[in-house]
Amino acid sequence: MTISTLNKEKKSVLEQVRQIYDFFSSKEEFCKLIPEVRTNISMSIPEAKSKKDIAAIEGRITIIEGYPKACGDIKFGVSNHTARLLLKTKEFDNSINIVMNIKYTPELIEKIKNSSDLEIKEINRQQQSQNIRNEENSTMQWLIKECVNEIGRIPDIIWDKGAIGKEPMIRLFGKQSEDILYLLKILLNFIK
């Protein structure tokens, strides 16, 4: 891969993360989807090998004066949590380039199950071994492996009810920004 090609890929990634953020940044109702740990969007270049190949919003997305607000700029190498999740996902399906975390609520999961055609999968974090729980930065990798072991692929959404010290979470997966925008439009309709 040439430097020129890599630069084009990185520019496209930055633009797509910006497109997703711009879609919801003026929507008050999106604040209902922001978890306590805050939201982030991580997107990789197609052949990502490390966190340096993944762009995200530095400092995540929080709520300021009733609106979703990025705490920093969109940059490569600034995500840890969602970047690890995305890197593990790409081991099983390299076409997936984006992951975004949002708040879990039972009502939202019920609406997704009953009123959409989205493929969703619950992972029970209580089933993690103590070794996984104790090992730093291993939970996200376990979550993806568990999902693939159970259904053989990465669905549109993976969710969990949390565990001791771990907030319940919904994670959205997509190949391009359009996929995440499609999911967000559905979810925003459910919370109105």
C-alpha atoms as a PDB file:
ATOM      1  CA  MET A   1       0.000   0.000   0.000  1.00  0.00           C
ATOM      2  CA  THR A   2       1.349   3.404  -0.910  1.00  0.00           C
ATOM      3  CA  ILE A   3       1.411   6.379   1.444  1.00  0.00           C
ATOM      4  CA  SER A   4      -1.041   8.107  -0.873  1.00  0.00           C
ATOM      5  CA  THR A   5      -3.521   5.209  -0.601  1.00  0.00           C
ATOM      6  CA  LEU A   6      -3.129   5.085   3.171  1.00  0.00           C
ATOM      7  CA  ASN A   7      -3.705   8.827   3.441  1.00  0.00           C
ATOM      8  CA  LYS A   8      -6.884   8.534   1.326  1.00  0.00           C
ATOM      9  CA  GLU A   9      -8.153   5.717   3.553  1.00  0.00           C
ATOM     10  CA  LYS A  10      -7.442   7.697   6.714  1.00  0.00           C
ATOM     11  CA  LYS A  11      -9.113  10.804   5.300  1.00  0.00           C
ATOM     12  CA  SER A  12     -12.198   8.745   4.414  1.00  0.00           C
ATOM     13  CA  VAL A  13     -12.315   7.284   7.943  1.00  0.00           C
ATOM     14  CA  LEU A  14     -12.119  10.738   9.540  1.00  0.00           C
ATOM     15  CA  GLU A  15     -14.883  12.015   7.252  1.00  0.00           C
ATOM     16  CA  GLN A  16     -17.154   9.060   8.047  1.00  0.00           C
ATOM     17  CA  VAL A  17     -16.744   9.415  11.818  1.00  0.00           C
ATOM     18  CA  ARG A  18     -17.508  13.131  11.400  1.00  0.00           C
ATOM     19  CA  GLN A  19     -20.604  12.275   9.323  1.00  0.00           C
ATOM     20  CA  ILE A  20     -21.952  10.026  12.096  1.00  0.00           C
ATOM     21  CA  TYR A  21     -21.215  12.589  14.797  1.00  0.00           C
ATOM     22  CA  ASP A  22     -22.753  15.429  12.774  1.00  0.00           C
ATOM     23  CA  PHE A  23     -25.917  13.359  12.310  1.00  0.00           C
ATOM     24  CA  PHE A  24     -26.731  13.195  16.026  1.00  0.00           C
ATOM     25  CA  SER A  25     -24.849  16.136  17.562  1.00  0.00           C
ATOM     26  CA  SER A  26     -27.829  18.484  17.218  1.00  0.00           C
ATOM     27  CA  LYS A  27     -30.387  15.934  18.448  1.00  0.00           C
ATOM     28  CA  GLU A  28     -31.348  16.311  22.135  1.00  0.00           C
ATOM     29  CA  GLU A  29     -33.002  12.884  22.104  1.00  0.00           C
ATOM     30  CA  PHE A  30     -29.641  11.240  21.367  1.00  0.00           C
ATOM     31  CA  CYS A  31     -28.630  12.057  24.958  1.00  0.00           C
ATOM     32  CA  LYS A  32     -30.934   9.204  26.029  1.00  0.00           C
ATOM     33  CA  LEU A  33     -28.517   6.837  24.252  1.00  0.00           C
ATOM     34  CA  ILE A  34     -25.343   8.027  26.007  1.00  0.00           C
ATOM     35  CA  PRO A  35     -24.214   5.642  28.772  1.00  0.00           C
ATOM     36  CA  GLU A  36     -22.438   6.584  32.003  1.00  0.00           C
ATOM     37  CA  VAL A  37     -19.067   5.640  30.452  1.00  0.00           C
ATOM     38  CA  ARG A  38     -19.975   7.914  27.512  1.00  0.00           C
ATOM     39  CA  THR A  39     -20.248   7.079  23.819  1.00  0.00           C
ATOM     40  CA  ASN A  40     -17.591   6.715  21.175  1.00  0.00           C
ATOM     41  CA  ILE A  41     -17.429   5.873  17.496  1.00  0.00           C
ATOM     42  CA  SER A  42     -14.374   3.929  16.376  1.00  0.00           C
ATOM     43  CA  MET A  43     -13.637   3.394  12.705  1.00  0.00           C
ATOM     44  CA  SER A  44     -10.672   1.626  11.158  1.00  0.00           C
ATOM     45  CA  ILE A  45      -8.908   1.674   7.864  1.00  0.00           C
ATOM     46  CA  PRO A  46      -9.763  -1.567   5.999  1.00  0.00           C
ATOM     47  CA  GLU A  47      -6.595  -3.456   6.969  1.00  0.00           C
ATOM     48  CA  ALA A  48      -6.235  -2.226  10.566  1.00  0.00           C
ATOM     49  CA  LYS A  49      -3.583  -3.964  12.663  1.00  0.00           C
ATOM     50  CA  SER A  50      -3.400  -1.744  15.757  1.00  0.00           C
ATOM     51  CA  LYS A  51      -5.150   1.067  17.613  1.00  0.00           C
ATOM     52  CA  LYS A  52      -3.102   3.502  15.534  1.00  0.00           C
ATOM     53  CA  ASP A  53      -5.193   2.404  12.517  1.00  0.00           C
ATOM     54  CA  ILE A  54      -8.448   3.356  14.254  1.00  0.00           C
ATOM     55  CA  ALA A  55      -9.954   6.827  14.512  1.00  0.00           C
ATOM     56  CA  ALA A  56     -12.304   7.871  17.298  1.00  0.00           C
ATOM     57  CA  ILE A  57     -13.364  10.941  19.216  1.00  0.00           C
ATOM     58  CA  GLU A  58     -10.730  11.877  21.748  1.00  0.00           C
ATOM     59  CA  GLY A  59     -12.328  11.917  25.199  1.00  0.00           C
ATOM     60  CA  ARG A  60     -15.574  10.395  23.886  1.00  0.00           C
ATOM     61  CA  ILE A  61     -19.012  11.998  23.491  1.00  0.00           C
ATOM     62  CA  THR A  62     -20.760  13.412  26.552  1.00  0.00           C
ATOM     63  CA  ILE A  63     -23.760  15.639  27.289  1.00  0.00           C
ATOM     64  CA  ILE A  64     -23.288  19.403  27.519  1.00  0.00           C
ATOM     65  CA  GLU A  65     -26.259  21.754  27.945  1.00  0.00           C
ATOM     66  CA  GLY A  66     -28.652  19.014  26.898  1.00  0.00           C
ATOM     67  CA  TYR A  67     -26.896  18.010  23.661  1.00  0.00           C
ATOM     68  CA  PRO A  68     -24.365  15.340  22.689  1.00  0.00           C
ATOM     69  CA  LYS A  69     -20.919  16.927  22.547  1.00  0.00           C
ATOM     70  CA  ALA A  70     -17.537  15.572  21.490  1.00  0.00           C
ATOM     71  CA  CYS A  71     -14.934  16.161  24.187  1.00  0.00           C
ATOM     72  CA  GLY A  72     -12.119  16.350  21.647  1.00  0.00           C
ATOM     73  CA  ASP A  73     -11.199  16.004  18.012  1.00  0.00           C
ATOM     74  CA  ILE A  74     -11.506  12.958  15.771  1.00  0.00           C
ATOM     75  CA  LYS A  75      -8.054  11.385  15.696  1.00  0.00           C
ATOM     76  CA  PHE A  76      -6.290   8.116  15.073  1.00  0.00           C
ATOM     77  CA  GLY A  77      -4.961   6.180  18.046  1.00  0.00           C
ATOM     78  CA  VAL A  78      -7.091   7.842  20.752  1.00  0.00           C
ATOM     79  CA  SER A  79      -9.524   4.999  21.515  1.00  0.00           C
ATOM     80  CA  ASN A  80      -8.834   2.056  23.765  1.00  0.00           C
ATOM     81  CA  HIS A  81     -12.110   0.330  24.629  1.00  0.00           C
ATOM     82  CA  THR A  82     -13.952   0.483  21.290  1.00  0.00           C
ATOM     83  CA  ALA A  83     -10.675   0.133  19.350  1.00  0.00           C
ATOM     84  CA  ARG A  84      -9.939  -3.200  21.052  1.00  0.00           C
ATOM     85  CA  LEU A  85     -13.482  -4.298  20.321  1.00  0.00           C
ATOM     86  CA  LEU A  86     -13.107  -3.379  16.654  1.00  0.00           C
ATOM     87  CA  LEU A  87      -9.705  -5.052  16.247  1.00  0.00           C
ATOM     88  CA  LYS A  88     -11.072  -8.326  17.661  1.00  0.00           C
ATOM     89  CA  THR A  89     -14.164  -8.029  15.442  1.00  0.00           C
ATOM     90  CA  LYS A  90     -11.985  -7.653  12.347  1.00  0.00           C
ATOM     91  CA  GLU A  91     -10.271 -10.959  13.150  1.00  0.00           C
ATOM     92  CA  PHE A  92     -13.601 -12.656  12.418  1.00  0.00           C
ATOM     93  CA  ASP A  93     -15.060 -10.278   9.828  1.00  0.00           C
ATOM     94  CA  ASN A  94     -12.596  -7.868   8.251  1.00  0.00           C
ATOM     95  CA  SER A  95     -15.398  -6.063   6.387  1.00  0.00           C
ATOM     96  CA  ILE A  96     -16.598  -4.489   9.647  1.00  0.00           C
ATOM     97  CA  ASN A  97     -14.871  -1.151  10.121  1.00  0.00           C
ATOM     98  CA  ILE A  98     -17.031   0.709  12.673  1.00  0.00           C
ATOM     99  CA  VAL A  99     -18.235   0.097  16.196  1.00  0.00           C
ATOM    100  CA  MET A 100     -20.205   2.470  18.385  1.00  0.00           C
ATOM    101  CA  ASN A 101     -21.340   2.001  21.984  1.00  0.00           C
ATOM    102  CA  ILE A 102     -24.638   3.320  23.329  1.00  0.00           C
ATOM    103  CA  LYS A 103     -26.707   2.990  26.503  1.00  0.00           C
ATOM    104  CA  TYR A 104     -28.547  -0.229  27.255  1.00  0.00           C
ATOM    105  CA  THR A 105     -32.166  -0.125  28.335  1.00  0.00           C
ATOM    106  CA  PRO A 106     -34.495  -3.145  28.415  1.00  0.00           C
ATOM    107  CA  GLU A 107     -37.176  -1.090  26.641  1.00  0.00           C
ATOM    108  CA  LEU A 108     -34.876  -0.301  23.725  1.00  0.00           C
ATOM    109  CA  ILE A 109     -33.837  -3.948  23.329  1.00  0.00           C
ATOM    110  CA  GLU A 110     -37.513  -5.007  23.322  1.00  0.00           C
ATOM    111  CA  LYS A 111     -38.347  -2.463  20.625  1.00  0.00           C
ATOM    112  CA  ILE A 112     -35.393  -3.627  18.502  1.00  0.00           C
ATOM    113  CA  LYS A 113     -36.487  -7.261  18.869  1.00  0.00           C
ATOM    114  CA  ASN A 114     -40.174  -6.625  18.211  1.00  0.00           C
ATOM    115  CA  SER A 115     -40.167  -3.774  15.708  1.00  0.00           C
ATOM    116  CA  SER A 116     -37.104  -4.139  13.491  1.00  0.00           C
ATOM    117  CA  ASP A 117     -35.347  -6.669  11.308  1.00  0.00           C
ATOM    118  CA  LEU A 118     -31.965  -5.965  12.903  1.00  0.00           C
ATOM    119  CA  GLU A 119     -29.872  -8.934  13.950  1.00  0.00           C
ATOM    120  CA  ILE A 120     -29.069  -8.633  17.643  1.00  0.00           C
ATOM    121  CA  LYS A 121     -27.292 -10.908  20.083  1.00  0.00           C
ATOM    122  CA  GLU A 122     -27.111 -10.824  23.871  1.00  0.00           C
ATOM    123  CA  ILE A 123     -23.878 -11.898  25.519  1.00  0.00           C
ATOM    124  CA  ASN A 124     -24.057 -12.810  29.196  1.00  0.00           C
ATOM    125  CA  ARG A 125     -21.023 -11.256  30.873  1.00  0.00           C
ATOM    126  CA  GLN A 126     -21.740 -13.279  34.019  1.00  0.00           C
ATOM    127  CA  GLN A 127     -20.417 -16.282  32.072  1.00  0.00           C
ATOM    128  CA  GLN A 128     -16.918 -14.824  31.808  1.00  0.00           C
ATOM    129  CA  SER A 129     -14.302 -16.820  33.641  1.00  0.00           C
ATOM    130  CA  GLN A 130     -12.578 -15.176  36.576  1.00  0.00           C
ATOM    131  CA  ASN A 131      -9.338 -15.197  34.532  1.00  0.00           C
ATOM    132  CA  ILE A 132     -10.960 -13.074  31.812  1.00  0.00           C
ATOM    133  CA  ARG A 133     -12.458 -10.713  34.400  1.00  0.00           C
ATOM    134  CA  ASN A 134      -9.100 -10.281  36.115  1.00  0.00           C
ATOM    135  CA  GLU A 135      -7.021  -9.869  32.960  1.00  0.00           C
ATOM    136  CA  GLU A 136      -6.660  -6.232  31.926  1.00  0.00           C
ATOM    137  CA  ASN A 137      -8.203  -5.389  28.513  1.00  0.00           C
ATOM    138  CA  SER A 138      -9.545  -8.886  27.811  1.00  0.00           C
ATOM    139  CA  THR A 139     -13.315  -8.475  28.206  1.00  0.00           C
ATOM    140  CA  MET A 140     -14.005  -6.970  24.767  1.00  0.00           C
ATOM    141  CA  GLN A 141     -12.069  -9.728  23.033  1.00  0.00           C
ATOM    142  CA  TRP A 142     -14.009 -12.343  25.007  1.00  0.00           C
ATOM    143  CA  LEU A 143     -17.333 -10.713  24.101  1.00  0.00           C
ATOM    144  CA  ILE A 144     -16.620 -10.935  20.362  1.00  0.00           C
ATOM    145  CA  LYS A 145     -15.313 -14.516  20.548  1.00  0.00           C
ATOM    146  CA  GLU A 146     -18.373 -15.551  22.549  1.00  0.00           C
ATOM    147  CA  CYS A 147     -20.724 -14.023  19.967  1.00  0.00           C
ATOM    148  CA  VAL A 148     -18.968 -15.681  17.023  1.00  0.00           C
ATOM    149  CA  ASN A 149     -18.913 -19.031  18.861  1.00  0.00           C
ATOM    150  CA  GLU A 150     -22.664 -18.794  19.442  1.00  0.00           C
ATOM    151  CA  ILE A 151     -23.964 -17.502  16.078  1.00  0.00           C
ATOM    152  CA  GLY A 152     -20.980 -17.743  13.730  1.00  0.00           C
ATOM    153  CA  ARG A 153     -20.867 -14.056  12.765  1.00  0.00           C
ATOM    154  CA  ILE A 154     -20.992 -10.464  13.954  1.00  0.00           C
ATOM    155  CA  PRO A 155     -24.600  -9.170  14.081  1.00  0.00           C
ATOM    156  CA  ASP A 156     -25.778  -5.564  13.744  1.00  0.00           C
ATOM    157  CA  ILE A 157     -25.922  -5.245  17.529  1.00  0.00           C
ATOM    158  CA  ILE A 158     -24.285  -7.018  20.463  1.00  0.00           C
ATOM    159  CA  TRP A 159     -25.649  -6.143  23.892  1.00  0.00           C
ATOM    160  CA  ASP A 160     -25.218  -7.189  27.480  1.00  0.00           C
ATOM    161  CA  LYS A 161     -26.784  -6.550  30.878  1.00  0.00           C
ATOM    162  CA  GLY A 162     -23.411  -5.789  32.441  1.00  0.00           C
ATOM    163  CA  ALA A 163     -21.653  -7.421  35.367  1.00  0.00           C
ATOM    164  CA  ILE A 164     -20.250  -6.318  38.700  1.00  0.00           C
ATOM    165  CA  GLY A 165     -18.483  -3.035  37.988  1.00  0.00           C
ATOM    166  CA  LYS A 166     -19.388  -3.205  34.264  1.00  0.00           C
ATOM    167  CA  GLU A 167     -22.123  -1.017  32.813  1.00  0.00           C
ATOM    168  CA  PRO A 168     -24.721  -2.705  30.575  1.00  0.00           C
ATOM    169  CA  MET A 169     -24.084  -1.729  26.966  1.00  0.00           C
ATOM    170  CA  ILE A 170     -25.334  -1.890  23.386  1.00  0.00           C
ATOM    171  CA  ARG A 171     -22.741  -1.977  20.609  1.00  0.00           C
ATOM    172  CA  LEU A 172     -23.507  -1.174  16.972  1.00  0.00           C
ATOM    173  CA  PHE A 173     -21.424  -2.647  14.130  1.00  0.00           C
ATOM    174  CA  GLY A 174     -21.105  -1.566  10.507  1.00  0.00           C
ATOM    175  CA  LYS A 175     -18.941  -1.578   7.419  1.00  0.00           C
ATOM    176  CA  GLN A 176     -19.352   2.110   6.529  1.00  0.00           C
ATOM    177  CA  SER A 177     -20.919   5.204   8.075  1.00  0.00           C
ATOM    178  CA  GLU A 178     -24.189   4.544   6.213  1.00  0.00           C
ATOM    179  CA  ASP A 179     -24.647   1.319   8.202  1.00  0.00           C
ATOM    180  CA  ILE A 180     -24.335   3.088  11.551  1.00  0.00           C
ATOM    181  CA  LEU A 181     -26.533   5.966  10.384  1.00  0.00           C
ATOM    182  CA  TYR A 182     -29.194   3.419   9.395  1.00  0.00           C
ATOM    183  CA  LEU A 183     -29.059   1.822  12.857  1.00  0.00           C
ATOM    184  CA  LEU A 184     -29.132   5.171  14.646  1.00  0.00           C
ATOM    185  CA  LYS A 185     -32.177   6.337  12.689  1.00  0.00           C
ATOM    186  CA  ILE A 186     -34.062   3.225  13.780  1.00  0.00           C
ATOM    187  CA  LEU A 187     -32.982   3.601  17.401  1.00  0.00           C
ATOM    188  CA  LEU A 188     -33.794   7.310  17.558  1.00  0.00           C
ATOM    189  CA  ASN A 189     -37.314   6.542  16.297  1.00  0.00           C
ATOM    190  CA  PHE A 190     -37.694   4.058  19.152  1.00  0.00           C
ATOM    191  CA  ILE A 191     -36.784   6.561  21.875  1.00  0.00           C
ATOM    192  CA  LYS A 192     -38.960   9.473  20.732  1.00  0.00           C
END
